[in-house]
Amino acid sequence: MLLLKRKLRVETERLTLRTPQHSDFRAWTALRVKSQKYLTPWEPTWAEDHLTRKAFSNRVYWAQRSVNGGTAMPLFLIRREDQSLIGAITLDNIRRGPAQAGTLGYWTGEPFARMGYMREAIEAVVHQAFTRLDLSRIEAACLPENAASRGLLEKTGFKYEGVAQSYLQIDGRWRTHVLYASLRGDRRGKTEAG
């Protein structure tokens, strides 16, 4: 089992994926405010203090503790060409033992949506999960009507597994989600010739 370093960093073609830092507060807040209408239909209701420095500091401390404890891999997406914060991806709820699994969640700021950045990030995180963390299964869920997220998961190798009724509270109410998973060495849907 790989022990994650406190300042986790993953490089992709256009992005640096790294743990949140206190210095990210202004960029994160600006992006969340600019993208609020875009994100609200897909996310849990923001707490009253969601955009405060204190809440952000708590987020940074949680990220550090989670990485150090091996329970999560929370990463900000930083576009290398201009160092812009463009979103976040988290491999959370990492379970060891017989499960060897984790749950993937992500968001992109509206100005950076549909540019292939999240696909790049998902592929990198899944690769890390399977090769460096020795996980066997990565799970993800999204609202059935979120065609963009469903397409993204399918393009990155996730397969549809079913429906979870009243799975998460999104935008203030319990919502049913569709479930996807990516398996290390996945052969679902392949034939002997494949």
C-alpha atoms as a PDB file:
ATOM      1  CA  MET A   1       0.000   0.000   0.000  1.00  0.00           C
ATOM      2  CA  LEU A   2       1.350   3.417  -0.966  1.00  0.00           C
ATOM      3  CA  LEU A   3       1.332   6.041   1.742  1.00  0.00           C
ATOM      4  CA  LEU A   4       0.349   9.357   0.193  1.00  0.00           C
ATOM      5  CA  LYS A   5       2.535  12.377   0.787  1.00  0.00           C
ATOM      6  CA  ARG A   6       1.057  15.426   2.460  1.00  0.00           C
ATOM      7  CA  LYS A   7       1.428  17.541  -0.692  1.00  0.00           C
ATOM      8  CA  LEU A   8       0.073  15.124  -3.252  1.00  0.00           C
ATOM      9  CA  ARG A   9       0.666  16.173  -6.872  1.00  0.00           C
ATOM     10  CA  VAL A  10      -0.316  14.522 -10.168  1.00  0.00           C
ATOM     11  CA  GLU A  11       0.686  15.924 -13.570  1.00  0.00           C
ATOM     12  CA  THR A  12      -1.366  15.467 -16.749  1.00  0.00           C
ATOM     13  CA  GLU A  13      -0.936  16.893 -20.226  1.00  0.00           C
ATOM     14  CA  ARG A  14      -2.471  20.295 -19.348  1.00  0.00           C
ATOM     15  CA  LEU A  15      -3.083  20.153 -15.608  1.00  0.00           C
ATOM     16  CA  THR A  16      -1.440  19.909 -12.244  1.00  0.00           C
ATOM     17  CA  LEU A  17      -3.678  18.098  -9.760  1.00  0.00           C
ATOM     18  CA  ARG A  18      -2.681  18.989  -6.215  1.00  0.00           C
ATOM     19  CA  THR A  19      -4.084  19.239  -2.731  1.00  0.00           C
ATOM     20  CA  PRO A  20      -5.769  22.546  -1.803  1.00  0.00           C
ATOM     21  CA  GLN A  21      -3.612  25.207  -0.145  1.00  0.00           C
ATOM     22  CA  HIS A  22      -4.609  28.177   1.999  1.00  0.00           C
ATOM     23  CA  SER A  23      -3.371  30.484  -0.792  1.00  0.00           C
ATOM     24  CA  ASP A  24      -6.103  29.085  -3.104  1.00  0.00           C
ATOM     25  CA  PHE A  25      -8.882  30.765  -1.116  1.00  0.00           C
ATOM     26  CA  ARG A  26      -9.494  33.780  -3.376  1.00  0.00           C
ATOM     27  CA  ALA A  27      -9.314  31.820  -6.644  1.00  0.00           C
ATOM     28  CA  TRP A  28     -11.591  29.077  -5.258  1.00  0.00           C
ATOM     29  CA  THR A  29     -14.137  31.580  -3.919  1.00  0.00           C
ATOM     30  CA  ALA A  30     -14.164  33.582  -7.164  1.00  0.00           C
ATOM     31  CA  LEU A  31     -14.683  30.447  -9.260  1.00  0.00           C
ATOM     32  CA  ARG A  32     -17.426  29.086  -6.987  1.00  0.00           C
ATOM     33  CA  VAL A  33     -19.277  32.450  -7.008  1.00  0.00           C
ATOM     34  CA  LYS A  34     -18.944  32.789 -10.799  1.00  0.00           C
ATOM     35  CA  SER A  35     -20.191  29.198 -11.268  1.00  0.00           C
ATOM     36  CA  GLN A  36     -22.869  29.080  -8.551  1.00  0.00           C
ATOM     37  CA  LYS A  37     -25.899  28.972 -10.885  1.00  0.00           C
ATOM     38  CA  TYR A  38     -24.166  26.375 -13.038  1.00  0.00           C
ATOM     39  CA  LEU A  39     -23.249  24.120 -10.072  1.00  0.00           C
ATOM     40  CA  THR A  40     -26.360  24.461  -7.869  1.00  0.00           C
ATOM     41  CA  PRO A  41     -28.539  21.875  -9.692  1.00  0.00           C
ATOM     42  CA  TRP A  42     -25.858  19.191  -9.229  1.00  0.00           C
ATOM     43  CA  GLU A  43     -24.503  19.821  -5.713  1.00  0.00           C
ATOM     44  CA  PRO A  44     -25.637  19.625  -2.108  1.00  0.00           C
ATOM     45  CA  THR A  45     -26.939  22.957  -0.817  1.00  0.00           C
ATOM     46  CA  TRP A  46     -24.062  25.193   0.198  1.00  0.00           C
ATOM     47  CA  ALA A  47     -23.779  25.894   3.923  1.00  0.00           C
ATOM     48  CA  GLU A  48     -24.224  29.524   4.963  1.00  0.00           C
ATOM     49  CA  ASP A  49     -20.469  29.788   5.576  1.00  0.00           C
ATOM     50  CA  HIS A  50     -19.494  27.887   2.379  1.00  0.00           C
ATOM     51  CA  LEU A  51     -17.549  30.796   0.878  1.00  0.00           C
ATOM     52  CA  THR A  52     -15.861  32.006   4.082  1.00  0.00           C
ATOM     53  CA  ARG A  53     -12.142  31.855   4.749  1.00  0.00           C
ATOM     54  CA  LYS A  54     -12.769  29.761   7.875  1.00  0.00           C
ATOM     55  CA  ALA A  55     -14.753  27.130   5.938  1.00  0.00           C
ATOM     56  CA  PHE A  56     -12.039  27.068   3.277  1.00  0.00           C
ATOM     57  CA  SER A  57      -9.332  26.636   5.927  1.00  0.00           C
ATOM     58  CA  ASN A  58     -11.297  23.699   7.316  1.00  0.00           C
ATOM     59  CA  ARG A  59     -11.409  22.249   3.793  1.00  0.00           C
ATOM     60  CA  VAL A  60      -7.614  22.551   3.482  1.00  0.00           C
ATOM     61  CA  TYR A  61      -7.050  20.893   6.893  1.00  0.00           C
ATOM     62  CA  TRP A  62      -9.495  18.099   6.011  1.00  0.00           C
ATOM     63  CA  ALA A  63      -7.646  17.524   2.734  1.00  0.00           C
ATOM     64  CA  GLN A  64      -4.286  17.258   4.511  1.00  0.00           C
ATOM     65  CA  ARG A  65      -5.650  14.884   7.176  1.00  0.00           C
ATOM     66  CA  SER A  66      -7.377  12.743   4.551  1.00  0.00           C
ATOM     67  CA  VAL A  67      -4.274  12.405   2.398  1.00  0.00           C
ATOM     68  CA  ASN A  68      -2.085  11.672   5.425  1.00  0.00           C
ATOM     69  CA  GLY A  69      -4.606   9.103   6.684  1.00  0.00           C
ATOM     70  CA  GLY A  70      -5.059   7.488   3.267  1.00  0.00           C
ATOM     71  CA  THR A  71      -8.842   7.972   3.357  1.00  0.00           C
ATOM     72  CA  ALA A  72      -9.182  10.444   0.470  1.00  0.00           C
ATOM     73  CA  MET A  73      -7.334  12.140  -2.364  1.00  0.00           C
ATOM     74  CA  PRO A  74      -8.825  15.669  -2.670  1.00  0.00           C
ATOM     75  CA  LEU A  75      -7.237  17.575  -5.548  1.00  0.00           C
ATOM     76  CA  PHE A  76      -7.633  20.968  -7.176  1.00  0.00           C
ATOM     77  CA  LEU A  77      -7.269  21.178 -10.957  1.00  0.00           C
ATOM     78  CA  ILE A  78      -4.720  23.845 -11.861  1.00  0.00           C
ATOM     79  CA  ARG A  79      -4.321  24.686 -15.547  1.00  0.00           C
ATOM     80  CA  ARG A  80      -0.563  24.836 -16.101  1.00  0.00           C
ATOM     81  CA  GLU A  81      -0.588  27.419 -18.914  1.00  0.00           C
ATOM     82  CA  ASP A  82      -1.820  30.199 -16.588  1.00  0.00           C
ATOM     83  CA  GLN A  83      -2.048  28.586 -13.120  1.00  0.00           C
ATOM     84  CA  SER A  84      -5.865  29.029 -13.100  1.00  0.00           C
ATOM     85  CA  LEU A  85      -7.894  26.978 -10.644  1.00  0.00           C
ATOM     86  CA  ILE A  86     -10.537  25.341 -12.838  1.00  0.00           C
ATOM     87  CA  GLY A  87     -12.240  22.774 -10.570  1.00  0.00           C
ATOM     88  CA  ALA A  88     -11.683  19.913  -8.165  1.00  0.00           C
ATOM     89  CA  ILE A  89     -11.753  16.125  -8.049  1.00  0.00           C
ATOM     90  CA  THR A  90     -11.820  13.920  -4.975  1.00  0.00           C
ATOM     91  CA  LEU A  91     -11.300  10.216  -4.564  1.00  0.00           C
ATOM     92  CA  ASP A  92     -13.011   9.832  -1.194  1.00  0.00           C
ATOM     93  CA  ASN A  93     -14.186   7.107   1.136  1.00  0.00           C
ATOM     94  CA  ILE A  94     -11.141   4.968   0.336  1.00  0.00           C
ATOM     95  CA  ARG A  95     -11.818   1.547   1.811  1.00  0.00           C
ATOM     96  CA  ARG A  96      -9.097  -1.027   2.367  1.00  0.00           C
ATOM     97  CA  GLY A  97      -9.266  -4.719   3.161  1.00  0.00           C
ATOM     98  CA  PRO A  98     -11.596  -6.827   1.051  1.00  0.00           C
ATOM     99  CA  ALA A  99     -13.156  -3.792  -0.696  1.00  0.00           C
ATOM    100  CA  GLN A 100     -10.081  -1.887  -1.998  1.00  0.00           C
ATOM    101  CA  ALA A 101     -12.450   0.775  -3.340  1.00  0.00           C
ATOM    102  CA  GLY A 102     -13.103   4.508  -3.384  1.00  0.00           C
ATOM    103  CA  THR A 103     -15.745   7.004  -4.488  1.00  0.00           C
ATOM    104  CA  LEU A 104     -15.091   9.688  -7.100  1.00  0.00           C
ATOM    105  CA  GLY A 105     -16.618  13.176  -7.053  1.00  0.00           C
ATOM    106  CA  TYR A 106     -15.761  16.238  -9.141  1.00  0.00           C
ATOM    107  CA  TRP A 107     -16.806  19.699 -10.293  1.00  0.00           C
ATOM    108  CA  THR A 108     -15.622  22.133 -12.937  1.00  0.00           C
ATOM    109  CA  GLY A 109     -16.094  25.882 -12.918  1.00  0.00           C
ATOM    110  CA  GLU A 110     -18.488  27.002 -15.636  1.00  0.00           C
ATOM    111  CA  PRO A 111     -15.868  28.906 -17.698  1.00  0.00           C
ATOM    112  CA  PHE A 112     -13.854  25.672 -18.026  1.00  0.00           C
ATOM    113  CA  ALA A 113     -16.647  23.176 -18.693  1.00  0.00           C
ATOM    114  CA  ARG A 114     -16.653  20.944 -21.771  1.00  0.00           C
ATOM    115  CA  MET A 115     -13.002  21.543 -22.617  1.00  0.00           C
ATOM    116  CA  GLY A 116     -11.784  18.046 -21.741  1.00  0.00           C
ATOM    117  CA  TYR A 117     -10.100  19.063 -18.492  1.00  0.00           C
ATOM    118  CA  MET A 118     -12.196  16.852 -16.237  1.00  0.00           C
ATOM    119  CA  ARG A 119     -11.760  13.877 -18.537  1.00  0.00           C
ATOM    120  CA  GLU A 120      -8.001  14.352 -18.225  1.00  0.00           C
ATOM    121  CA  ALA A 121      -8.287  14.612 -14.441  1.00  0.00           C
ATOM    122  CA  ILE A 122     -10.529  11.550 -14.064  1.00  0.00           C
ATOM    123  CA  GLU A 123      -8.205   9.420 -16.184  1.00  0.00           C
ATOM    124  CA  ALA A 124      -5.210  10.514 -14.087  1.00  0.00           C
ATOM    125  CA  VAL A 125      -6.924   9.909 -10.740  1.00  0.00           C
ATOM    126  CA  VAL A 126      -8.244   6.496 -11.792  1.00  0.00           C
ATOM    127  CA  HIS A 127      -4.750   5.554 -13.002  1.00  0.00           C
ATOM    128  CA  GLN A 128      -3.276   6.645  -9.638  1.00  0.00           C
ATOM    129  CA  ALA A 129      -5.975   4.735  -7.770  1.00  0.00           C
ATOM    130  CA  PHE A 130      -5.324   1.490  -9.612  1.00  0.00           C
ATOM    131  CA  THR A 131      -1.534   1.629  -9.994  1.00  0.00           C
ATOM    132  CA  ARG A 132      -0.319   3.563  -6.938  1.00  0.00           C
ATOM    133  CA  LEU A 133      -3.054   3.013  -4.359  1.00  0.00           C
ATOM    134  CA  ASP A 134      -3.774  -0.581  -5.398  1.00  0.00           C
ATOM    135  CA  LEU A 135      -7.528  -0.038  -5.436  1.00  0.00           C
ATOM    136  CA  SER A 136      -9.724  -2.476  -7.333  1.00  0.00           C
ATOM    137  CA  ARG A 137     -12.905  -0.413  -7.787  1.00  0.00           C
ATOM    138  CA  ILE A 138     -13.763   3.266  -8.246  1.00  0.00           C
ATOM    139  CA  GLU A 139     -17.418   4.248  -7.855  1.00  0.00           C
ATOM    140  CA  ALA A 140     -19.189   7.391  -9.039  1.00  0.00           C
ATOM    141  CA  ALA A 141     -22.790   8.599  -8.988  1.00  0.00           C
ATOM    142  CA  CYS A 142     -24.660  11.393 -10.727  1.00  0.00           C
ATOM    143  CA  LEU A 143     -28.202  12.568 -11.314  1.00  0.00           C
ATOM    144  CA  PRO A 144     -29.930  10.675 -14.140  1.00  0.00           C
ATOM    145  CA  GLU A 145     -30.568  13.909 -16.072  1.00  0.00           C
ATOM    146  CA  ASN A 146     -26.925  15.036 -15.874  1.00  0.00           C
ATOM    147  CA  ALA A 147     -26.082  13.952 -19.420  1.00  0.00           C
ATOM    148  CA  ALA A 148     -22.700  15.701 -19.380  1.00  0.00           C
ATOM    149  CA  SER A 149     -21.517  13.851 -16.273  1.00  0.00           C
ATOM    150  CA  ARG A 150     -22.896  10.511 -17.470  1.00  0.00           C
ATOM    151  CA  GLY A 151     -21.132  10.942 -20.808  1.00  0.00           C
ATOM    152  CA  LEU A 152     -17.902  11.897 -19.085  1.00  0.00           C
ATOM    153  CA  LEU A 153     -17.980   8.811 -16.861  1.00  0.00           C
ATOM    154  CA  GLU A 154     -18.695   6.553 -19.825  1.00  0.00           C
ATOM    155  CA  LYS A 155     -15.906   8.129 -21.924  1.00  0.00           C
ATOM    156  CA  THR A 156     -13.437   7.489 -19.085  1.00  0.00           C
ATOM    157  CA  GLY A 157     -14.277   3.797 -18.843  1.00  0.00           C
ATOM    158  CA  PHE A 158     -16.921   3.780 -16.122  1.00  0.00           C
ATOM    159  CA  LYS A 159     -19.799   1.368 -16.649  1.00  0.00           C
ATOM    160  CA  TYR A 160     -23.410   1.875 -15.586  1.00  0.00           C
ATOM    161  CA  GLU A 161     -24.336  -0.376 -12.659  1.00  0.00           C
ATOM    162  CA  GLY A 162     -27.757   0.730 -11.531  1.00  0.00           C
ATOM    163  CA  VAL A 163     -29.864   3.210  -9.598  1.00  0.00           C
ATOM    164  CA  ALA A 164     -29.746   4.306  -5.958  1.00  0.00           C
ATOM    165  CA  GLN A 165     -33.025   5.755  -4.693  1.00  0.00           C
ATOM    166  CA  SER A 166     -32.766   8.905  -2.522  1.00  0.00           C
ATOM    167  CA  TYR A 167     -28.973   8.605  -2.677  1.00  0.00           C
ATOM    168  CA  LEU A 168     -27.884  12.185  -1.825  1.00  0.00           C
ATOM    169  CA  GLN A 169     -29.422  15.523  -0.964  1.00  0.00           C
ATOM    170  CA  ILE A 170     -28.856  17.734  -3.979  1.00  0.00           C
ATOM    171  CA  ASP A 171     -30.009  21.335  -4.112  1.00  0.00           C
ATOM    172  CA  GLY A 172     -31.975  20.768  -0.899  1.00  0.00           C
ATOM    173  CA  ARG A 173     -33.840  17.519  -1.598  1.00  0.00           C
ATOM    174  CA  TRP A 174     -33.200  13.785  -1.656  1.00  0.00           C
ATOM    175  CA  ARG A 175     -32.387  12.705  -5.192  1.00  0.00           C
ATOM    176  CA  THR A 176     -32.079   9.372  -6.947  1.00  0.00           C
ATOM    177  CA  HIS A 177     -28.713   8.829  -8.653  1.00  0.00           C
ATOM    178  CA  VAL A 178     -27.367   6.528 -11.329  1.00  0.00           C
ATOM    179  CA  LEU A 179     -24.353   4.500 -10.259  1.00  0.00           C
ATOM    180  CA  TYR A 180     -21.200   3.859 -12.263  1.00  0.00           C
ATOM    181  CA  ALA A 181     -17.978   1.992 -11.529  1.00  0.00           C
ATOM    182  CA  SER A 182     -14.557   1.519 -13.040  1.00  0.00           C
ATOM    183  CA  LEU A 183     -12.810  -1.738 -12.223  1.00  0.00           C
ATOM    184  CA  ARG A 184      -9.098  -2.465 -12.437  1.00  0.00           C
ATOM    185  CA  GLY A 185      -8.653  -4.937 -15.289  1.00  0.00           C
ATOM    186  CA  ASP A 186     -12.315  -4.544 -16.263  1.00  0.00           C
ATOM    187  CA  ARG A 187     -13.455  -7.137 -18.804  1.00  0.00           C
ATOM    188  CA  ARG A 188     -17.196  -6.422 -18.646  1.00  0.00           C
ATOM    189  CA  GLY A 189     -18.627  -6.442 -22.137  1.00  0.00           C
ATOM    190  CA  LYS A 190     -15.507  -8.013 -23.695  1.00  0.00           C
ATOM    191  CA  THR A 191     -15.417 -11.322 -25.518  1.00  0.00           C
ATOM    192  CA  GLU A 192     -12.746 -14.011 -25.604  1.00  0.00           C
ATOM    193  CA  ALA A 193     -11.378 -12.305 -28.732  1.00  0.00           C
ATOM    194  CA  GLY A 194     -11.198  -8.886 -26.956  1.00  0.00           C
END
